[in-house]
Amino acid sequence: MKAWRAKEKALQFLRGYPADSYNKLPSYLYIMEKTYPGSIVKLKKTGDDCFLYVFVAICTSISGWKYCRLVVVVDRTFLKSAYKGIMLTASTMDAAGTILPLTYFVVDSENVASWT
């Protein structure tokens, strides 16, 4: 138990607290919008300013869509940390057979509100 606590303290020292990362998210998304004009970036928070959803579609993926096959694959992975969630991705394949990520989004759970 002592080794586990020491590891956790070392990780917090290196990475900071996970809650602090959520506080930095709006500025990160703002920089992403300014760096990649034409990208679609949406952040949804609850009434008390807590993270709910984030949606990101980079402009290069949006413009590359017209050169891709008309098949979209949606996949998910569960985020395993103190703050649970699900990361969803949508990808397609271009004419050369290369996978092109179209978008990614993080939601609290898969439900009608998060898909909308």
PDB file of N, CA and C in Angstrom:
ATOM      1  N   MET A   1       0.826  -1.195   0.000  1.00  0.00           N
ATOM      2  CA  MET A   1       0.000   0.000   0.000  1.00  0.00           C
ATOM      3  C   MET A   1       0.872   1.261   0.000  1.00  0.00           C
ATOM      4  N   LYS A   2       1.989   1.191   0.721  1.00  0.00           N
ATOM      5  CA  LYS A   2       2.898   2.329   0.775  1.00  0.00           C
ATOM      6  C   LYS A   2       3.502   2.608  -0.602  1.00  0.00           C
ATOM      7  N   ALA A   3       3.853   1.558  -1.333  1.00  0.00           N
ATOM      8  CA  ALA A   3       4.397   1.719  -2.685  1.00  0.00           C
ATOM      9  C   ALA A   3       3.354   2.312  -3.620  1.00  0.00           C
ATOM     10  N   TRP A   4       2.093   1.878  -3.495  1.00  0.00           N
ATOM     11  CA  TRP A   4       1.019   2.409  -4.352  1.00  0.00           C
ATOM     12  C   TRP A   4       0.816   3.897  -4.086  1.00  0.00           C
ATOM     13  N   ARG A   5       0.801   4.289  -2.797  1.00  0.00           N
ATOM     14  CA  ARG A   5       0.635   5.714  -2.459  1.00  0.00           C
ATOM     15  C   ARG A   5       1.802   6.543  -2.969  1.00  0.00           C
ATOM     16  N   ALA A   6       3.020   5.992  -2.879  1.00  0.00           N
ATOM     17  CA  ALA A   6       4.189   6.710  -3.392  1.00  0.00           C
ATOM     18  C   ALA A   6       4.093   6.887  -4.902  1.00  0.00           C
ATOM     19  N   LYS A   7       3.621   5.851  -5.593  1.00  0.00           N
ATOM     20  CA  LYS A   7       3.445   5.938  -7.052  1.00  0.00           C
ATOM     21  C   LYS A   7       2.400   6.991  -7.400  1.00  0.00           C
ATOM     22  N   GLU A   8       1.289   7.003  -6.688  1.00  0.00           N
ATOM     23  CA  GLU A   8       0.230   7.981  -6.936  1.00  0.00           C
ATOM     24  C   GLU A   8       0.724   9.405  -6.701  1.00  0.00           C
ATOM     25  N   LYS A   9       1.504   9.627  -5.659  1.00  0.00           N
ATOM     26  CA  LYS A   9       2.036  10.964  -5.395  1.00  0.00           C
ATOM     27  C   LYS A   9       3.017  11.383  -6.476  1.00  0.00           C
ATOM     28  N   ALA A  10       3.836  10.434  -6.941  1.00  0.00           N
ATOM     29  CA  ALA A  10       4.784  10.745  -8.015  1.00  0.00           C
ATOM     30  C   ALA A  10       4.044  11.108  -9.297  1.00  0.00           C
ATOM     31  N   LEU A  11       2.977  10.376  -9.622  1.00  0.00           N
ATOM     32  CA  LEU A  11       2.188  10.682 -10.820  1.00  0.00           C
ATOM     33  C   LEU A  11       1.506  12.036 -10.702  1.00  0.00           C
ATOM     34  N   GLN A  12       0.995  12.364  -9.519  1.00  0.00           N
ATOM     35  CA  GLN A  12       0.375  13.675  -9.326  1.00  0.00           C
ATOM     36  C   GLN A  12       1.407  14.789  -9.452  1.00  0.00           C
ATOM     37  N   PHE A  13       2.611  14.534  -8.991  1.00  0.00           N
ATOM     38  CA  PHE A  13       3.678  15.525  -9.116  1.00  0.00           C
ATOM     39  C   PHE A  13       4.028  15.750 -10.583  1.00  0.00           C
ATOM     40  N   LEU A  14       4.080  14.671 -11.368  1.00  0.00           N
ATOM     41  CA  LEU A  14       4.434  14.780 -12.786  1.00  0.00           C
ATOM     42  C   LEU A  14       3.302  15.332 -13.637  1.00  0.00           C
ATOM     43  N   ARG A  15       2.111  14.818 -13.443  1.00  0.00           N
ATOM     44  CA  ARG A  15       0.975  15.141 -14.311  1.00  0.00           C
ATOM     45  C   ARG A  15       0.030  16.182 -13.747  1.00  0.00           C
ATOM     46  N   GLY A  16       0.081  16.423 -12.465  1.00  0.00           N
ATOM     47  CA  GLY A  16      -0.887  17.315 -11.836  1.00  0.00           C
ATOM     48  C   GLY A  16      -2.147  16.542 -11.483  1.00  0.00           C
ATOM     49  N   TYR A  17      -3.135  17.245 -11.016  1.00  0.00           N
ATOM     50  CA  TYR A  17      -4.399  16.615 -10.643  1.00  0.00           C
ATOM     51  C   TYR A  17      -5.302  16.509 -11.867  1.00  0.00           C
ATOM     52  N   PRO A  18      -6.032  15.393 -12.020  1.00  0.00           N
ATOM     53  CA  PRO A  18      -6.918  15.244 -13.184  1.00  0.00           C
ATOM     54  C   PRO A  18      -7.959  16.359 -13.291  1.00  0.00           C
ATOM     55  N   ALA A  19      -8.446  16.850 -12.177  1.00  0.00           N
ATOM     56  CA  ALA A  19      -9.456  17.915 -12.215  1.00  0.00           C
ATOM     57  C   ALA A  19      -8.887  19.188 -12.837  1.00  0.00           C
ATOM     58  N   ASP A  20      -7.589  19.440 -12.652  1.00  0.00           N
ATOM     59  CA  ASP A  20      -6.969  20.622 -13.249  1.00  0.00           C
ATOM     60  C   ASP A  20      -6.958  20.542 -14.767  1.00  0.00           C
ATOM     61  N   SER A  21      -6.884  19.335 -15.315  1.00  0.00           N
ATOM     62  CA  SER A  21      -6.907  19.162 -16.770  1.00  0.00           C
ATOM     63  C   SER A  21      -8.235  19.633 -17.353  1.00  0.00           C
ATOM     64  N   TYR A  22      -9.327  19.368 -16.662  1.00  0.00           N
ATOM     65  CA  TYR A  22     -10.626  19.811 -17.149  1.00  0.00           C
ATOM     66  C   TYR A  22     -10.737  21.336 -17.125  1.00  0.00           C
ATOM     67  N   ASN A  23     -10.052  21.980 -16.193  1.00  0.00           N
ATOM     68  CA  ASN A  23     -10.059  23.442 -16.153  1.00  0.00           C
ATOM     69  C   ASN A  23      -9.304  24.040 -17.331  1.00  0.00           C
ATOM     70  N   LYS A  24      -8.321  23.318 -17.865  1.00  0.00           N
ATOM     71  CA  LYS A  24      -7.531  23.794 -18.992  1.00  0.00           C
ATOM     72  C   LYS A  24      -8.192  23.504 -20.340  1.00  0.00           C
ATOM     73  N   LEU A  25      -9.213  22.689 -20.352  1.00  0.00           N
ATOM     74  CA  LEU A  25      -9.856  22.265 -21.603  1.00  0.00           C
ATOM     75  C   LEU A  25     -10.406  23.421 -22.434  1.00  0.00           C
ATOM     76  N   PRO A  26     -11.120  24.404 -21.886  1.00  0.00           N
ATOM     77  CA  PRO A  26     -11.620  25.494 -22.729  1.00  0.00           C
ATOM     78  C   PRO A  26     -10.511  26.270 -23.436  1.00  0.00           C
ATOM     79  N   SER A  27      -9.398  26.534 -22.757  1.00  0.00           N
ATOM     80  CA  SER A  27      -8.311  27.253 -23.420  1.00  0.00           C
ATOM     81  C   SER A  27      -7.648  26.388 -24.490  1.00  0.00           C
ATOM     82  N   TYR A  28      -7.534  25.088 -24.249  1.00  0.00           N
ATOM     83  CA  TYR A  28      -6.990  24.175 -25.257  1.00  0.00           C
ATOM     84  C   TYR A  28      -7.863  24.168 -26.507  1.00  0.00           C
ATOM     85  N   LEU A  29      -9.171  24.104 -26.327  1.00  0.00           N
ATOM     86  CA  LEU A  29     -10.093  24.094 -27.464  1.00  0.00           C
ATOM     87  C   LEU A  29     -10.068  25.430 -28.200  1.00  0.00           C
ATOM     88  N   TYR A  30      -9.914  26.531 -27.472  1.00  0.00           N
ATOM     89  CA  TYR A  30      -9.812  27.847 -28.104  1.00  0.00           C
ATOM     90  C   TYR A  30      -8.569  27.913 -29.000  1.00  0.00           C
ATOM     91  N   ILE A  31      -7.440  27.445 -28.495  1.00  0.00           N
ATOM     92  CA  ILE A  31      -6.207  27.439 -29.285  1.00  0.00           C
ATOM     93  C   ILE A  31      -6.364  26.535 -30.500  1.00  0.00           C
ATOM     94  N   MET A  32      -7.051  25.419 -30.338  1.00  0.00           N
ATOM     95  CA  MET A  32      -7.266  24.507 -31.464  1.00  0.00           C
ATOM     96  C   MET A  32      -8.105  25.171 -32.556  1.00  0.00           C
ATOM     97  N   GLU A  33      -9.125  25.911 -32.166  1.00  0.00           N
ATOM     98  CA  GLU A  33      -9.956  26.618 -33.151  1.00  0.00           C
ATOM     99  C   GLU A  33      -9.155  27.691 -33.888  1.00  0.00           C
ATOM    100  N   LYS A  34      -8.284  28.376 -33.188  1.00  0.00           N
ATOM    101  CA  LYS A  34      -7.486  29.433 -33.812  1.00  0.00           C
ATOM    102  C   LYS A  34      -6.378  28.853 -34.690  1.00  0.00           C
ATOM    103  N   THR A  35      -5.818  27.714 -34.302  1.00  0.00           N
ATOM    104  CA  THR A  35      -4.747  27.083 -35.069  1.00  0.00           C
ATOM    105  C   THR A  35      -5.277  26.423 -36.329  1.00  0.00           C
ATOM    106  N   TYR A  36      -6.450  25.821 -36.239  1.00  0.00           N
ATOM    107  CA  TYR A  36      -7.066  25.118 -37.366  1.00  0.00           C
ATOM    108  C   TYR A  36      -8.397  25.774 -37.716  1.00  0.00           C
ATOM    109  N   PRO A  37      -8.386  26.909 -38.437  1.00  0.00           N
ATOM    110  CA  PRO A  37      -9.644  27.566 -38.781  1.00  0.00           C
ATOM    111  C   PRO A  37     -10.512  26.641 -39.645  1.00  0.00           C
ATOM    112  N   GLY A  38     -11.776  26.643 -39.370  1.00  0.00           N
ATOM    113  CA  GLY A  38     -12.700  25.766 -40.082  1.00  0.00           C
ATOM    114  C   GLY A  38     -12.997  24.486 -39.319  1.00  0.00           C
ATOM    115  N   SER A  39     -12.308  24.271 -38.211  1.00  0.00           N
ATOM    116  CA  SER A  39     -12.576  23.106 -37.369  1.00  0.00           C
ATOM    117  C   SER A  39     -13.853  23.337 -36.577  1.00  0.00           C
ATOM    118  N   ILE A  40     -14.471  22.250 -36.186  1.00  0.00           N
ATOM    119  CA  ILE A  40     -15.673  22.325 -35.352  1.00  0.00           C
ATOM    120  C   ILE A  40     -15.302  21.795 -33.975  1.00  0.00           C
ATOM    121  N   VAL A  41     -15.393  22.665 -32.982  1.00  0.00           N
ATOM    122  CA  VAL A  41     -15.028  22.313 -31.616  1.00  0.00           C
ATOM    123  C   VAL A  41     -16.156  22.769 -30.718  1.00  0.00           C
ATOM    124  N   LYS A  42     -16.734  21.844 -29.971  1.00  0.00           N
ATOM    125  CA  LYS A  42     -17.849  22.175 -29.079  1.00  0.00           C
ATOM    126  C   LYS A  42     -17.582  21.601 -27.703  1.00  0.00           C
ATOM    127  N   LEU A  43     -17.848  22.394 -26.693  1.00  0.00           N
ATOM    128  CA  LEU A  43     -17.721  21.971 -25.305  1.00  0.00           C
ATOM    129  C   LEU A  43     -19.043  22.226 -24.613  1.00  0.00           C
ATOM    130  N   LYS A  44     -19.571  21.233 -23.966  1.00  0.00           N
ATOM    131  CA  LYS A  44     -20.841  21.371 -23.249  1.00  0.00           C
ATOM    132  C   LYS A  44     -20.572  21.139 -21.776  1.00  0.00           C
ATOM    133  N   LYS A  45     -21.046  22.063 -20.946  1.00  0.00           N
ATOM    134  CA  LYS A  45     -20.895  21.953 -19.501  1.00  0.00           C
ATOM    135  C   LYS A  45     -22.265  21.988 -18.848  1.00  0.00           C
ATOM    136  N   THR A  46     -22.311  21.529 -17.617  1.00  0.00           N
ATOM    137  CA  THR A  46     -23.551  21.585 -16.857  1.00  0.00           C
ATOM    138  C   THR A  46     -23.740  23.005 -16.335  1.00  0.00           C
ATOM    139  N   GLY A  47     -24.861  23.244 -15.688  1.00  0.00           N
ATOM    140  CA  GLY A  47     -25.154  24.568 -15.153  1.00  0.00           C
ATOM    141  C   GLY A  47     -24.152  25.029 -14.109  1.00  0.00           C
ATOM    142  N   ASP A  48     -23.568  24.091 -13.358  1.00  0.00           N
ATOM    143  CA  ASP A  48     -22.584  24.473 -12.344  1.00  0.00           C
ATOM    144  C   ASP A  48     -21.149  24.362 -12.863  1.00  0.00           C
ATOM    145  N   ASP A  49     -20.990  24.491 -14.194  1.00  0.00           N
ATOM    146  CA  ASP A  49     -19.682  24.593 -14.857  1.00  0.00           C
ATOM    147  C   ASP A  49     -18.852  23.307 -14.779  1.00  0.00           C
ATOM    148  N   CYS A  50     -19.512  22.156 -14.772  1.00  0.00           N
ATOM    149  CA  CYS A  50     -18.806  20.872 -14.792  1.00  0.00           C
ATOM    150  C   CYS A  50     -18.814  20.311 -16.212  1.00  0.00           C
ATOM    151  N   PHE A  51     -17.751  19.616 -16.571  1.00  0.00           N
ATOM    152  CA  PHE A  51     -17.604  19.027 -17.898  1.00  0.00           C
ATOM    153  C   PHE A  51     -18.712  18.016 -18.169  1.00  0.00           C
ATOM    154  N   LEU A  52     -19.257  18.053 -19.401  1.00  0.00           N
ATOM    155  CA  LEU A  52     -20.271  17.094 -19.808  1.00  0.00           C
ATOM    156  C   LEU A  52     -19.865  16.397 -21.108  1.00  0.00           C
ATOM    157  N   TYR A  53     -19.651  17.169 -22.188  1.00  0.00           N
ATOM    158  CA  TYR A  53     -19.262  16.608 -23.478  1.00  0.00           C
ATOM    159  C   TYR A  53     -18.239  17.503 -24.156  1.00  0.00           C
ATOM    160  N   VAL A  54     -17.431  16.903 -25.034  1.00  0.00           N
ATOM    161  CA  VAL A  54     -16.570  17.668 -25.925  1.00  0.00           C
ATOM    162  C   VAL A  54     -16.598  16.980 -27.287  1.00  0.00           C
ATOM    163  N   PHE A  55     -16.658  17.778 -28.351  1.00  0.00           N
ATOM    164  CA  PHE A  55     -16.709  17.287 -29.722  1.00  0.00           C
ATOM    165  C   PHE A  55     -15.641  18.013 -30.525  1.00  0.00           C
ATOM    166  N   VAL A  56     -14.823  17.278 -31.283  1.00  0.00           N
ATOM    167  CA  VAL A  56     -13.744  17.884 -32.068  1.00  0.00           C
ATOM    168  C   VAL A  56     -13.724  17.268 -33.454  1.00  0.00           C
ATOM    169  N   ALA A  57     -13.775  18.113 -34.479  1.00  0.00           N
ATOM    170  CA  ALA A  57     -13.597  17.710 -35.877  1.00  0.00           C
ATOM    171  C   ALA A  57     -12.618  18.697 -36.495  1.00  0.00           C
ATOM    172  N   ILE A  58     -11.417  18.222 -36.785  1.00  0.00           N
ATOM    173  CA  ILE A  58     -10.352  19.079 -37.326  1.00  0.00           C
ATOM    174  C   ILE A  58     -10.647  19.384 -38.798  1.00  0.00           C
ATOM    175  N   CYS A  59     -10.301  20.600 -39.224  1.00  0.00           N
ATOM    176  CA  CYS A  59     -10.609  21.057 -40.587  1.00  0.00           C
ATOM    177  C   CYS A  59      -9.988  20.167 -41.663  1.00  0.00           C
ATOM    178  N   THR A  60      -8.809  19.607 -41.423  1.00  0.00           N
ATOM    179  CA  THR A  60      -8.188  18.738 -42.437  1.00  0.00           C
ATOM    180  C   THR A  60      -8.980  17.463 -42.630  1.00  0.00           C
ATOM    181  N   SER A  61      -9.561  16.938 -41.567  1.00  0.00           N
ATOM    182  CA  SER A  61     -10.414  15.753 -41.693  1.00  0.00           C
ATOM    183  C   SER A  61     -11.713  16.096 -42.404  1.00  0.00           C
ATOM    184  N   ILE A  62     -12.234  17.275 -42.127  1.00  0.00           N
ATOM    185  CA  ILE A  62     -13.469  17.705 -42.781  1.00  0.00           C
ATOM    186  C   ILE A  62     -13.249  17.855 -44.281  1.00  0.00           C
ATOM    187  N   SER A  63     -12.136  18.497 -44.672  1.00  0.00           N
ATOM    188  CA  SER A  63     -11.877  18.679 -46.105  1.00  0.00           C
ATOM    189  C   SER A  63     -11.474  17.378 -46.787  1.00  0.00           C
ATOM    190  N   GLY A  64     -10.897  16.450 -46.054  1.00  0.00           N
ATOM    191  CA  GLY A  64     -10.508  15.163 -46.636  1.00  0.00           C
ATOM    192  C   GLY A  64     -11.665  14.217 -46.864  1.00  0.00           C
ATOM    193  N   TRP A  65     -12.804  14.496 -46.239  1.00  0.00           N
ATOM    194  CA  TRP A  65     -13.970  13.624 -46.348  1.00  0.00           C
ATOM    195  C   TRP A  65     -14.425  13.433 -47.790  1.00  0.00           C
ATOM    196  N   LYS A  66     -14.300  14.462 -48.618  1.00  0.00           N
ATOM    197  CA  LYS A  66     -14.792  14.352 -49.997  1.00  0.00           C
ATOM    198  C   LYS A  66     -13.972  13.394 -50.842  1.00  0.00           C
ATOM    199  N   TYR A  67     -12.799  12.975 -50.374  1.00  0.00           N
ATOM    200  CA  TYR A  67     -11.958  12.038 -51.108  1.00  0.00           C
ATOM    201  C   TYR A  67     -12.012  10.628 -50.522  1.00  0.00           C
ATOM    202  N   CYS A  68     -12.964  10.381 -49.658  1.00  0.00           N
ATOM    203  CA  CYS A  68     -13.030   9.109 -48.944  1.00  0.00           C
ATOM    204  C   CYS A  68     -14.189   8.253 -49.412  1.00  0.00           C
ATOM    205  N   ARG A  69     -14.105   6.994 -49.050  1.00  0.00           N
ATOM    206  CA  ARG A  69     -15.215   6.074 -49.299  1.00  0.00           C
ATOM    207  C   ARG A  69     -16.377   6.466 -48.406  1.00  0.00           C
ATOM    208  N   LEU A  70     -17.570   6.161 -48.844  1.00  0.00           N
ATOM    209  CA  LEU A  70     -18.769   6.591 -48.119  1.00  0.00           C
ATOM    210  C   LEU A  70     -19.147   5.610 -47.015  1.00  0.00           C
ATOM    211  N   VAL A  71     -18.155   5.162 -46.265  1.00  0.00           N
ATOM    212  CA  VAL A  71     -18.375   4.271 -45.133  1.00  0.00           C
ATOM    213  C   VAL A  71     -17.752   4.931 -43.917  1.00  0.00           C
ATOM    214  N   VAL A  72     -18.523   5.050 -42.853  1.00  0.00           N
ATOM    215  CA  VAL A  72     -18.030   5.639 -41.613  1.00  0.00           C
ATOM    216  C   VAL A  72     -18.098   4.575 -40.525  1.00  0.00           C
ATOM    217  N   VAL A  73     -17.015   4.428 -39.803  1.00  0.00           N
ATOM    218  CA  VAL A  73     -16.949   3.469 -38.702  1.00  0.00           C
ATOM    219  C   VAL A  73     -16.915   4.253 -37.401  1.00  0.00           C
ATOM    220  N   VAL A  74     -17.833   3.951 -36.502  1.00  0.00           N
ATOM    221  CA  VAL A  74     -17.880   4.592 -35.195  1.00  0.00           C
ATOM    222  C   VAL A  74     -17.436   3.569 -34.166  1.00  0.00           C
ATOM    223  N   ASP A  75     -16.514   3.955 -33.311  1.00  0.00           N
ATOM    224  CA  ASP A  75     -15.997   3.055 -32.294  1.00  0.00           C
ATOM    225  C   ASP A  75     -15.955   3.784 -30.964  1.00  0.00           C
ATOM    226  N   ARG A  76     -15.862   3.024 -29.900  1.00  0.00           N
ATOM    227  CA  ARG A  76     -15.816   3.638 -28.577  1.00  0.00           C
ATOM    228  C   ARG A  76     -14.769   2.943 -27.725  1.00  0.00           C
ATOM    229  N   THR A  77     -14.305   3.662 -26.751  1.00  0.00           N
ATOM    230  CA  THR A  77     -13.443   3.087 -25.727  1.00  0.00           C
ATOM    231  C   THR A  77     -13.802   3.726 -24.397  1.00  0.00           C
ATOM    232  N   PHE A  78     -13.711   2.944 -23.354  1.00  0.00           N
ATOM    233  CA  PHE A  78     -14.051   3.444 -22.034  1.00  0.00           C
ATOM    234  C   PHE A  78     -12.818   4.088 -21.408  1.00  0.00           C
ATOM    235  N   LEU A  79     -12.994   5.265 -20.844  1.00  0.00           N
ATOM    236  CA  LEU A  79     -11.916   5.969 -20.171  1.00  0.00           C
ATOM    237  C   LEU A  79     -11.863   5.471 -18.730  1.00  0.00           C
ATOM    238  N   LYS A  80     -10.727   4.983 -18.338  1.00  0.00           N
ATOM    239  CA  LYS A  80     -10.585   4.416 -17.004  1.00  0.00           C
ATOM    240  C   LYS A  80      -9.701   5.338 -16.173  1.00  0.00           C
ATOM    241  N   SER A  81     -10.321   6.129 -15.368  1.00  0.00           N
ATOM    242  CA  SER A  81      -9.612   7.040 -14.470  1.00  0.00           C
ATOM    243  C   SER A  81     -10.581   7.423 -13.364  1.00  0.00           C
ATOM    244  N   ALA A  82     -10.200   8.403 -12.594  1.00  0.00           N
ATOM    245  CA  ALA A  82     -11.100   8.874 -11.540  1.00  0.00           C
ATOM    246  C   ALA A  82     -12.369   9.468 -12.135  1.00  0.00           C
ATOM    247  N   TYR A  83     -12.247   9.998 -13.368  1.00  0.00           N
ATOM    248  CA  TYR A  83     -13.392  10.601 -14.040  1.00  0.00           C
ATOM    249  C   TYR A  83     -13.768   9.708 -15.202  1.00  0.00           C
ATOM    250  N   LYS A  84     -14.785   8.932 -15.032  1.00  0.00           N
ATOM    251  CA  LYS A  84     -15.201   7.969 -16.053  1.00  0.00           C
ATOM    252  C   LYS A  84     -15.786   8.701 -17.250  1.00  0.00           C
ATOM    253  N   GLY A  85     -15.838   8.023 -18.360  1.00  0.00           N
ATOM    254  CA  GLY A  85     -16.412   8.580 -19.565  1.00  0.00           C
ATOM    255  C   GLY A  85     -16.205   7.623 -20.714  1.00  0.00           C
ATOM    256  N   ILE A  86     -16.647   8.021 -21.875  1.00  0.00           N
ATOM    257  CA  ILE A  86     -16.502   7.219 -23.081  1.00  0.00           C
ATOM    258  C   ILE A  86     -15.967   8.123 -24.186  1.00  0.00           C
ATOM    259  N   MET A  87     -14.933   7.651 -24.878  1.00  0.00           N
ATOM    260  CA  MET A  87     -14.408   8.367 -26.028  1.00  0.00           C
ATOM    261  C   MET A  87     -14.932   7.685 -27.282  1.00  0.00           C
ATOM    262  N   LEU A  88     -15.616   8.438 -28.095  1.00  0.00           N
ATOM    263  CA  LEU A  88     -16.165   7.930 -29.344  1.00  0.00           C
ATOM    264  C   LEU A  88     -15.376   8.519 -30.504  1.00  0.00           C
ATOM    265  N   THR A  89     -15.118   7.717 -31.509  1.00  0.00           N
ATOM    266  CA  THR A  89     -14.411   8.187 -32.694  1.00  0.00           C
ATOM    267  C   THR A  89     -15.188   7.783 -33.933  1.00  0.00           C
ATOM    268  N   ALA A  90     -15.090   8.602 -34.958  1.00  0.00           N
ATOM    269  CA  ALA A  90     -15.671   8.284 -36.266  1.00  0.00           C
ATOM    270  C   ALA A  90     -14.539   8.366 -37.279  1.00  0.00           C
ATOM    271  N   SER A  91     -14.348   7.295 -38.040  1.00  0.00           N
ATOM    272  CA  SER A  91     -13.261   7.215 -39.017  1.00  0.00           C
ATOM    273  C   SER A  91     -13.789   6.686 -40.330  1.00  0.00           C
ATOM    274  N   THR A  92     -13.003   6.905 -41.373  1.00  0.00           N
ATOM    275  CA  THR A  92     -13.329   6.385 -42.691  1.00  0.00           C
ATOM    276  C   THR A  92     -12.028   5.995 -43.385  1.00  0.00           C
ATOM    277  N   MET A  93     -12.136   5.514 -44.598  1.00  0.00           N
ATOM    278  CA  MET A  93     -10.960   5.114 -45.354  1.00  0.00           C
ATOM    279  C   MET A  93     -10.912   5.915 -46.640  1.00  0.00           C
ATOM    280  N   ASP A  94      -9.711   6.435 -46.962  1.00  0.00           N
ATOM    281  CA  ASP A  94      -9.584   7.208 -48.194  1.00  0.00           C
ATOM    282  C   ASP A  94      -9.340   6.276 -49.379  1.00  0.00           C
ATOM    283  N   ALA A  95      -9.171   6.849 -50.556  1.00  0.00           N
ATOM    284  CA  ALA A  95      -9.025   6.058 -51.777  1.00  0.00           C
ATOM    285  C   ALA A  95      -7.760   5.194 -51.765  1.00  0.00           C
ATOM    286  N   ALA A  96      -6.742   5.605 -51.018  1.00  0.00           N
ATOM    287  CA  ALA A  96      -5.498   4.845 -50.946  1.00  0.00           C
ATOM    288  C   ALA A  96      -5.538   3.752 -49.881  1.00  0.00           C
ATOM    289  N   GLY A  97      -6.646   3.656 -49.158  1.00  0.00           N
ATOM    290  CA  GLY A  97      -6.774   2.640 -48.130  1.00  0.00           C
ATOM    291  C   GLY A  97      -6.252   3.060 -46.769  1.00  0.00           C
ATOM    292  N   THR A  98      -6.007   4.341 -46.606  1.00  0.00           N
ATOM    293  CA  THR A  98      -5.520   4.871 -45.329  1.00  0.00           C
ATOM    294  C   THR A  98      -6.702   5.291 -44.467  1.00  0.00           C
ATOM    295  N   ILE A  99      -6.627   4.987 -43.184  1.00  0.00           N
ATOM    296  CA  ILE A  99      -7.705   5.365 -42.270  1.00  0.00           C
ATOM    297  C   ILE A  99      -7.601   6.861 -41.959  1.00  0.00           C
ATOM    298  N   LEU A 100      -8.713   7.560 -42.096  1.00  0.00           N
ATOM    299  CA  LEU A 100      -8.788   8.987 -41.816  1.00  0.00           C
ATOM    300  C   LEU A 100      -9.726   9.205 -40.630  1.00  0.00           C
ATOM    301  N   PRO A 101      -9.206   9.683 -39.508  1.00  0.00           N
ATOM    302  CA  PRO A 101     -10.104   9.992 -38.393  1.00  0.00           C
ATOM    303  C   PRO A 101     -10.914  11.247 -38.719  1.00  0.00           C
ATOM    304  N   LEU A 102     -12.208  11.141 -38.630  1.00  0.00           N
ATOM    305  CA  LEU A 102     -13.077  12.274 -38.942  1.00  0.00           C
ATOM    306  C   LEU A 102     -13.324  13.154 -37.726  1.00  0.00           C
ATOM    307  N   THR A 103     -13.623  12.531 -36.619  1.00  0.00           N
ATOM    308  CA  THR A 103     -13.957  13.277 -35.424  1.00  0.00           C
ATOM    309  C   THR A 103     -13.729  12.414 -34.196  1.00  0.00           C
ATOM    310  N   TYR A 104     -13.635  13.061 -33.058  1.00  0.00           N
ATOM    311  CA  TYR A 104     -13.642  12.347 -31.796  1.00  0.00           C
ATOM    312  C   TYR A 104     -14.409  13.163 -30.780  1.00  0.00           C
ATOM    313  N   PHE A 105     -14.996  12.484 -29.839  1.00  0.00           N
ATOM    314  CA  PHE A 105     -15.752  13.173 -28.819  1.00  0.00           C
ATOM    315  C   PHE A 105     -15.729  12.364 -27.546  1.00  0.00           C
ATOM    316  N   VAL A 106     -15.816  13.049 -26.426  1.00  0.00           N
ATOM    317  CA  VAL A 106     -15.833  12.425 -25.113  1.00  0.00           C
ATOM    318  C   VAL A 106     -17.169  12.762 -24.473  1.00  0.00           C
ATOM    319  N   VAL A 107     -17.846  11.731 -23.986  1.00  0.00           N
ATOM    320  CA  VAL A 107     -19.168  11.894 -23.379  1.00  0.00           C
ATOM    321  C   VAL A 107     -19.175  11.189 -22.035  1.00  0.00           C
ATOM    322  N   ASP A 108     -20.155  11.529 -21.213  1.00  0.00           N
ATOM    323  CA  ASP A 108     -20.259  10.860 -19.918  1.00  0.00           C
ATOM    324  C   ASP A 108     -20.827   9.457 -20.064  1.00  0.00           C
ATOM    325  N   SER A 109     -21.779   9.279 -20.979  1.00  0.00           N
ATOM    326  CA  SER A 109     -22.339   7.966 -21.276  1.00  0.00           C
ATOM    327  C   SER A 109     -23.011   8.025 -22.638  1.00  0.00           C
ATOM    328  N   GLU A 110     -23.220   6.865 -23.222  1.00  0.00           N
ATOM    329  CA  GLU A 110     -23.909   6.826 -24.515  1.00  0.00           C
ATOM    330  C   GLU A 110     -25.410   6.896 -24.259  1.00  0.00           C
ATOM    331  N   ASN A 111     -25.987   8.044 -24.593  1.00  0.00           N
ATOM    332  CA  ASN A 111     -27.422   8.225 -24.460  1.00  0.00           C
ATOM    333  C   ASN A 111     -27.870   9.175 -25.561  1.00  0.00           C
ATOM    334  N   VAL A 112     -29.132   9.425 -25.637  1.00  0.00           N
ATOM    335  CA  VAL A 112     -29.673  10.268 -26.706  1.00  0.00           C
ATOM    336  C   VAL A 112     -29.097  11.677 -26.639  1.00  0.00           C
ATOM    337  N   ALA A 113     -28.967  12.220 -25.441  1.00  0.00           N
ATOM    338  CA  ALA A 113     -28.442  13.587 -25.297  1.00  0.00           C
ATOM    339  C   ALA A 113     -27.002  13.689 -25.779  1.00  0.00           C
ATOM    340  N   SER A 114     -26.174  12.715 -25.455  1.00  0.00           N
ATOM    341  CA  SER A 114     -24.780  12.789 -25.878  1.00  0.00           C
ATOM    342  C   SER A 114     -24.637  12.595 -27.376  1.00  0.00           C
ATOM    343  N   TRP A 115     -25.442  11.752 -27.992  1.00  0.00           N
ATOM    344  CA  TRP A 115     -25.388  11.571 -29.444  1.00  0.00           C
ATOM    345  C   TRP A 115     -25.898  12.822 -30.160  1.00  0.00           C
ATOM    346  N   THR A 116     -26.876  13.504 -29.588  1.00  0.00           N
ATOM    347  CA  THR A 116     -27.388  14.719 -30.204  1.00  0.00           C
ATOM    348  C   THR A 116     -26.356  15.820 -30.118  1.00  0.00           C
TER     349      THR A 116
END
